[in-house]
Amino acid sequence: MPRKGKGPRATGRGRAGRSVTYNVVRKLALAMPGVEDSRSYGTPALKVRGRLLARLKEDGRTLVVIVDFGMREALMQAEPGTFFITDHYLNYPAILVRLATVRPARLREILRHGWRRVAPARVRSGQDDVRGGAG
């Protein structure tokens, strides 16, 4: 049965037309200490002290987020329509996220997980003046 673009399942998750955009990703990530706008492979990215947290793929609809392998496996099993990898990411601690189907609360959780993984200890402990550029 073709989707008509109406109702709660039109985008796979949440309400129709409520896809997460990169601006939403950016807002969620920039709320965490030390996260800054950057670029990676020519696309918008978010980094913590130069370490990649997330980046928009070239298609503009998929987000790469750094996560550990255990979380990646659990997410892909729980929501295979939203979370996946390609062969390129097989041995790399990252997951691909379809922005059209991810729930904002789930995305926030994944970004926090990634932040804890990539943020230096001084940033995680709050001892670094991350907004003022110390370091």
Protein backbone atom coordinates (compact mmCIF):
# COMPACT_ATOMS: atom_id res chain seq x y z
CA MET A 1 0.00 0.00 0.00
CA PRO A 2 1.61 3.32 -1.02
CA ARG A 3 2.14 5.99 1.60
CA LYS A 4 -0.01 9.07 1.15
CA GLY A 5 2.05 11.41 3.36
CA LYS A 6 -0.56 11.62 6.10
CA GLY A 7 -0.84 10.06 9.51
CA PRO A 8 1.73 9.04 12.09
CA ARG A 9 3.62 6.53 9.92
CA ALA A 10 4.15 8.62 6.80
CA THR A 11 7.85 9.17 7.53
CA GLY A 12 8.36 5.95 9.42
CA ARG A 13 8.48 7.66 12.82
CA GLY A 14 6.54 10.48 14.36
CA ARG A 15 4.19 12.75 12.46
CA ALA A 16 4.30 13.42 8.73
CA GLY A 17 6.45 16.39 7.82
CA ARG A 18 8.32 16.26 11.12
CA SER A 19 11.61 14.91 9.78
CA VAL A 20 14.67 15.90 11.72
CA THR A 21 16.77 18.41 9.80
CA TYR A 22 20.47 19.11 10.13
CA ASN A 23 19.52 22.32 11.96
CA VAL A 24 17.85 20.19 14.64
CA VAL A 25 20.95 17.98 14.84
CA ARG A 26 23.12 21.09 15.14
CA LYS A 27 20.97 22.58 17.90
CA LEU A 28 21.04 19.35 19.92
CA ALA A 29 24.79 18.95 19.56
CA LEU A 30 25.76 22.57 20.18
CA ALA A 31 23.98 22.36 23.55
CA MET A 32 26.78 20.04 24.72
CA PRO A 33 30.06 21.46 26.03
CA GLY A 34 32.84 21.95 23.52
CA VAL A 35 30.83 21.12 20.40
CA GLU A 36 31.56 23.38 17.45
CA ASP A 37 30.55 23.71 13.83
CA SER A 38 33.05 22.34 11.36
CA ARG A 39 33.33 20.57 8.00
CA SER A 40 34.20 16.99 7.11
CA TYR A 41 34.51 15.64 3.58
CA GLY A 42 32.99 18.90 2.34
CA THR A 43 29.83 18.57 4.42
CA PRO A 44 28.65 20.25 7.63
CA ALA A 45 30.04 18.54 10.71
CA LEU A 46 30.08 18.86 14.47
CA LYS A 47 33.29 18.31 16.37
CA VAL A 48 34.53 18.41 19.95
CA ARG A 49 38.02 19.90 20.15
CA GLY A 50 38.68 18.79 16.58
CA ARG A 51 37.31 15.27 17.08
CA LEU A 52 34.41 14.29 14.85
CA LEU A 53 31.09 13.79 16.62
CA ALA A 54 28.73 13.83 13.64
CA ARG A 55 28.56 14.90 10.02
CA LEU A 56 25.96 15.18 7.32
CA LYS A 57 26.48 12.74 4.45
CA GLU A 58 26.64 14.04 0.90
CA ASP A 59 23.02 13.01 0.26
CA GLY A 60 21.83 15.61 2.80
CA ARG A 61 19.46 13.08 4.38
CA THR A 62 21.81 10.85 6.35
CA LEU A 63 23.85 11.63 9.44
CA VAL A 64 27.05 9.87 10.53
CA VAL A 65 27.40 9.73 14.32
CA ILE A 66 30.33 8.32 16.26
CA VAL A 67 29.15 5.53 18.60
CA ASP A 68 30.69 2.40 20.02
CA PHE A 69 30.13 -0.92 18.30
CA GLY A 70 27.79 -2.26 21.00
CA MET A 71 25.42 0.66 20.76
CA ARG A 72 25.57 0.56 16.97
CA GLU A 73 24.53 -3.10 16.90
CA ALA A 74 21.68 -2.52 19.37
CA LEU A 75 20.35 0.45 17.39
CA MET A 76 20.47 -1.39 14.06
CA GLN A 77 18.62 -4.36 15.57
CA ALA A 78 15.99 -2.21 17.28
CA GLU A 79 15.31 0.21 14.40
CA PRO A 80 16.78 -1.07 11.11
CA GLY A 81 14.72 1.42 9.11
CA THR A 82 16.47 4.30 10.85
CA PHE A 83 19.95 3.05 11.75
CA PHE A 84 22.33 1.28 9.40
CA ILE A 85 25.90 1.13 8.09
CA THR A 86 27.55 0.63 4.75
CA ASP A 87 30.66 -1.45 4.08
CA HIS A 88 32.71 1.72 4.43
CA TYR A 89 31.74 2.00 8.13
CA LEU A 90 31.97 -1.72 8.94
CA ASN A 91 35.19 -1.39 10.97
CA TYR A 92 34.67 2.21 12.06
CA PRO A 93 32.83 3.17 15.30
CA ALA A 94 30.00 5.05 13.64
CA ILE A 95 26.38 4.62 12.67
CA LEU A 96 24.35 6.10 9.83
CA VAL A 97 21.04 7.72 10.78
CA ARG A 98 18.15 8.42 8.41
CA LEU A 99 17.04 11.90 9.45
CA ALA A 100 13.57 11.39 7.98
CA THR A 101 12.77 8.61 10.44
CA VAL A 102 14.75 9.27 13.63
CA ARG A 103 12.93 10.64 16.65
CA PRO A 104 14.51 13.78 18.14
CA ALA A 105 14.69 12.23 21.63
CA ARG A 106 16.51 9.17 20.27
CA LEU A 107 18.87 11.37 18.28
CA ARG A 108 19.68 13.42 21.40
CA GLU A 109 20.52 10.20 23.25
CA ILE A 110 22.83 9.03 20.45
CA LEU A 111 24.57 12.39 20.18
CA ARG A 112 25.17 12.39 23.94
CA HIS A 113 26.63 8.92 23.71
CA GLY A 114 28.90 10.04 20.88
CA TRP A 115 29.89 13.17 22.78
CA ARG A 116 30.97 11.09 25.79
CA ARG A 117 33.03 8.96 23.43
CA VAL A 118 34.89 11.78 21.65
CA ALA A 119 35.08 14.64 24.18
CA PRO A 120 38.45 14.96 25.92
CA ALA A 121 38.43 14.28 29.66
CA ARG A 122 38.87 17.98 30.50
CA VAL A 123 35.76 18.85 28.52
CA ARG A 124 33.74 15.97 30.00
CA SER A 125 34.72 16.97 33.55
CA GLY A 126 33.93 20.63 32.95
CA GLN A 127 37.49 21.72 33.81
CA ASP A 128 38.10 23.16 30.35
CA ASP A 129 36.73 26.57 29.42
CA VAL A 130 35.22 25.09 26.25
CA ARG A 131 33.28 28.20 25.23
CA GLY A 132 36.19 30.53 25.80
CA GLY A 133 38.70 28.56 23.76
CA ALA A 134 41.08 27.47 26.52
CA GLY A 135 43.38 24.61 25.77
